[in-house]
Amino acid sequence: MAFAWKAAGLTYNRYLAVASRVVRRSLKEDKRIQAERRGEMELKFAKWENGKQGENKSVASANEAAMA
C-alpha cells in the first residue's frame, strides 16, 4: 500500500494538490487564509500540436475543471 494515490488512479501532482487542499482546510481561520493565498497559482500552459501553440490556459482553472 505504498502508493495508494496510484491505485486510486491519481497522478502524483493531483495527489499533492488534494493533500495540500485538505491540510489548508484543516487550519484555523487566520492561518487558513494565509495558506490559501500562498496556494494560489497564476501559471499558464498551452498544448502544442503539429508545431503550433494552442490556447493559453490557467493551471488553476484546469485543475478545478479536472476535479469537477
N, C-alpha and C. Protein backbone atom coordinates (compact mmCIF):
# COMPACT_ATOMS: atom_id res chain seq x y z
N MET A 1 0.84 -1.19 0.00
CA MET A 1 0.00 0.00 0.00
C MET A 1 0.88 1.25 0.00
N ALA A 2 2.04 1.15 -0.62
CA ALA A 2 2.98 2.28 -0.62
C ALA A 2 2.47 3.45 -1.45
N PHE A 3 1.80 3.16 -2.55
CA PHE A 3 1.32 4.23 -3.43
C PHE A 3 -0.18 4.12 -3.61
N ALA A 4 -0.92 4.51 -2.60
CA ALA A 4 -2.39 4.44 -2.67
C ALA A 4 -2.92 5.42 -3.71
N TRP A 5 -2.22 6.52 -3.92
CA TRP A 5 -2.67 7.50 -4.91
C TRP A 5 -2.60 6.92 -6.32
N LYS A 6 -1.64 6.03 -6.56
CA LYS A 6 -1.53 5.38 -7.86
C LYS A 6 -2.67 4.39 -8.06
N ALA A 7 -2.98 3.65 -7.01
CA ALA A 7 -4.07 2.68 -7.08
C ALA A 7 -5.41 3.36 -7.29
N ALA A 8 -5.53 4.61 -6.80
CA ALA A 8 -6.78 5.37 -6.95
C ALA A 8 -6.87 6.04 -8.32
N GLY A 9 -5.81 5.91 -9.13
CA GLY A 9 -5.84 6.49 -10.47
C GLY A 9 -5.44 7.95 -10.52
N LEU A 10 -4.71 8.43 -9.52
CA LEU A 10 -4.28 9.83 -9.48
C LEU A 10 -2.83 9.94 -9.92
N THR A 11 -2.49 11.09 -10.49
CA THR A 11 -1.08 11.38 -10.73
C THR A 11 -0.50 11.93 -9.43
N TYR A 12 0.81 11.96 -9.35
CA TYR A 12 1.45 12.47 -8.14
C TYR A 12 1.12 13.95 -7.93
N ASN A 13 1.09 14.73 -9.01
CA ASN A 13 0.75 16.15 -8.88
C ASN A 13 -0.68 16.34 -8.37
N ARG A 14 -1.61 15.53 -8.86
CA ARG A 14 -3.01 15.64 -8.42
C ARG A 14 -3.10 15.23 -6.95
N TYR A 15 -2.37 14.19 -6.56
CA TYR A 15 -2.33 13.75 -5.17
C TYR A 15 -1.83 14.88 -4.26
N LEU A 16 -0.75 15.55 -4.67
CA LEU A 16 -0.23 16.66 -3.88
C LEU A 16 -1.22 17.80 -3.79
N ALA A 17 -1.93 18.10 -4.86
CA ALA A 17 -2.92 19.17 -4.85
C ALA A 17 -4.05 18.86 -3.87
N VAL A 18 -4.52 17.63 -3.89
CA VAL A 18 -5.60 17.23 -2.98
C VAL A 18 -5.12 17.26 -1.53
N ALA A 19 -3.93 16.72 -1.29
CA ALA A 19 -3.39 16.69 0.07
C ALA A 19 -3.16 18.10 0.62
N SER A 20 -2.63 18.99 -0.20
CA SER A 20 -2.39 20.36 0.28
C SER A 20 -3.70 21.09 0.54
N ARG A 21 -4.72 20.83 -0.29
CA ARG A 21 -6.02 21.47 -0.05
C ARG A 21 -6.62 20.99 1.27
N VAL A 22 -6.49 19.70 1.57
CA VAL A 22 -7.00 19.14 2.82
C VAL A 22 -6.29 19.76 4.02
N VAL A 23 -4.98 19.90 3.91
CA VAL A 23 -4.22 20.49 5.01
C VAL A 23 -4.62 21.94 5.21
N ARG A 24 -4.73 22.70 4.13
CA ARG A 24 -5.13 24.12 4.25
C ARG A 24 -6.50 24.26 4.89
N ARG A 25 -7.44 23.40 4.51
CA ARG A 25 -8.80 23.50 5.05
C ARG A 25 -8.88 23.09 6.52
N SER A 26 -7.89 22.38 7.02
CA SER A 26 -7.91 21.94 8.41
C SER A 26 -7.32 22.98 9.37
N LEU A 27 -6.72 24.04 8.82
CA LEU A 27 -6.11 25.06 9.67
C LEU A 27 -7.16 25.99 10.27
N LYS A 28 -6.76 26.69 11.35
CA LYS A 28 -7.63 27.71 11.93
C LYS A 28 -7.80 28.84 10.93
N GLU A 29 -8.86 29.62 11.11
CA GLU A 29 -9.27 30.61 10.13
C GLU A 29 -8.15 31.55 9.69
N ASP A 30 -7.43 32.18 10.62
CA ASP A 30 -6.40 33.16 10.24
C ASP A 30 -5.25 32.50 9.48
N LYS A 31 -4.81 31.36 9.92
CA LYS A 31 -3.73 30.64 9.24
C LYS A 31 -4.19 30.06 7.91
N ARG A 32 -5.45 29.65 7.85
CA ARG A 32 -6.00 29.07 6.63
C ARG A 32 -6.02 30.11 5.50
N ILE A 33 -6.42 31.32 5.82
CA ILE A 33 -6.48 32.37 4.79
C ILE A 33 -5.08 32.65 4.24
N GLN A 34 -4.09 32.73 5.13
CA GLN A 34 -2.72 32.96 4.68
C GLN A 34 -2.22 31.81 3.81
N ALA A 35 -2.52 30.59 4.21
CA ALA A 35 -2.08 29.41 3.46
C ALA A 35 -2.77 29.34 2.10
N GLU A 36 -4.03 29.70 2.02
CA GLU A 36 -4.75 29.67 0.75
C GLU A 36 -4.18 30.70 -0.21
N ARG A 37 -3.77 31.84 0.29
CA ARG A 37 -3.15 32.85 -0.58
C ARG A 37 -1.84 32.33 -1.15
N ARG A 38 -1.06 31.61 -0.34
CA ARG A 38 0.19 31.06 -0.84
C ARG A 38 -0.06 29.97 -1.87
N GLY A 39 -1.19 29.31 -1.78
CA GLY A 39 -1.50 28.22 -2.69
C GLY A 39 -2.09 28.66 -4.02
N GLU A 40 -2.35 29.96 -4.18
CA GLU A 40 -2.92 30.45 -5.44
C GLU A 40 -1.87 30.34 -6.55
N MET A 41 -2.34 29.98 -7.73
CA MET A 41 -1.43 29.81 -8.86
C MET A 41 -1.80 30.80 -9.96
N GLU A 42 -0.80 31.32 -10.57
CA GLU A 42 -1.02 32.18 -11.72
C GLU A 42 -0.20 31.67 -12.91
N LEU A 43 -0.08 30.37 -12.98
CA LEU A 43 0.67 29.76 -14.07
C LEU A 43 -0.26 29.48 -15.24
N LYS A 44 0.29 29.54 -16.42
CA LYS A 44 -0.48 29.22 -17.62
C LYS A 44 0.30 28.18 -18.43
N PHE A 45 -0.44 27.43 -19.21
CA PHE A 45 0.18 26.44 -20.08
C PHE A 45 -0.55 26.42 -21.41
N ALA A 46 0.10 25.87 -22.40
CA ALA A 46 -0.51 25.72 -23.71
C ALA A 46 -0.11 24.36 -24.27
N LYS A 47 -1.05 23.74 -24.92
CA LYS A 47 -0.78 22.44 -25.56
C LYS A 47 -0.31 22.70 -26.99
N TRP A 48 0.77 22.05 -27.35
CA TRP A 48 1.33 22.20 -28.69
C TRP A 48 0.94 20.99 -29.53
N GLU A 49 0.46 21.25 -30.73
CA GLU A 49 0.12 20.18 -31.67
C GLU A 49 0.64 20.55 -33.06
N ASN A 50 1.34 19.63 -33.67
CA ASN A 50 1.88 19.81 -35.02
C ASN A 50 2.72 21.09 -35.14
N GLY A 51 3.49 21.41 -34.11
CA GLY A 51 4.36 22.57 -34.14
C GLY A 51 3.66 23.90 -33.91
N LYS A 52 2.39 23.89 -33.54
CA LYS A 52 1.64 25.13 -33.32
C LYS A 52 1.14 25.16 -31.88
N GLN A 53 1.28 26.33 -31.27
CA GLN A 53 0.84 26.50 -29.89
C GLN A 53 -0.67 26.67 -29.84
N GLY A 54 -1.29 25.94 -28.91
CA GLY A 54 -2.73 26.06 -28.72
C GLY A 54 -3.06 27.22 -27.80
N GLU A 55 -4.27 27.22 -27.32
CA GLU A 55 -4.76 28.30 -26.45
C GLU A 55 -4.08 28.24 -25.07
N ASN A 56 -3.71 29.42 -24.54
CA ASN A 56 -3.16 29.51 -23.19
C ASN A 56 -4.27 29.30 -22.18
N LYS A 57 -4.01 28.46 -21.19
CA LYS A 57 -4.99 28.17 -20.15
C LYS A 57 -4.34 28.33 -18.79
N SER A 58 -5.12 28.73 -17.81
CA SER A 58 -4.63 28.86 -16.45
C SER A 58 -4.55 27.48 -15.82
N VAL A 59 -3.47 27.21 -15.09
CA VAL A 59 -3.30 25.93 -14.42
C VAL A 59 -4.37 25.75 -13.35
N ALA A 60 -4.68 26.83 -12.62
CA ALA A 60 -5.69 26.75 -11.55
C ALA A 60 -7.06 26.39 -12.13
N SER A 61 -7.46 27.03 -13.21
CA SER A 61 -8.78 26.72 -13.79
C SER A 61 -8.80 25.31 -14.39
N ALA A 62 -7.68 24.87 -14.95
CA ALA A 62 -7.62 23.50 -15.48
C ALA A 62 -7.72 22.47 -14.35
N ASN A 63 -7.08 22.75 -13.20
CA ASN A 63 -7.18 21.85 -12.06
C ASN A 63 -8.61 21.80 -11.53
N GLU A 64 -9.26 22.96 -11.43
CA GLU A 64 -10.65 22.98 -10.96
C GLU A 64 -11.56 22.20 -11.90
N ALA A 65 -11.36 22.37 -13.19
CA ALA A 65 -12.19 21.66 -14.17
C ALA A 65 -11.95 20.15 -14.08
N ALA A 66 -10.72 19.75 -13.84
CA ALA A 66 -10.41 18.32 -13.73
C ALA A 66 -11.00 17.72 -12.47
N MET A 67 -11.08 18.49 -11.40
CA MET A 67 -11.60 17.99 -10.12
C MET A 67 -13.12 17.88 -10.14
N ALA A 68 -13.78 18.62 -11.02
CA ALA A 68 -15.26 18.61 -11.06
C ALA A 68 -15.82 17.38 -11.69
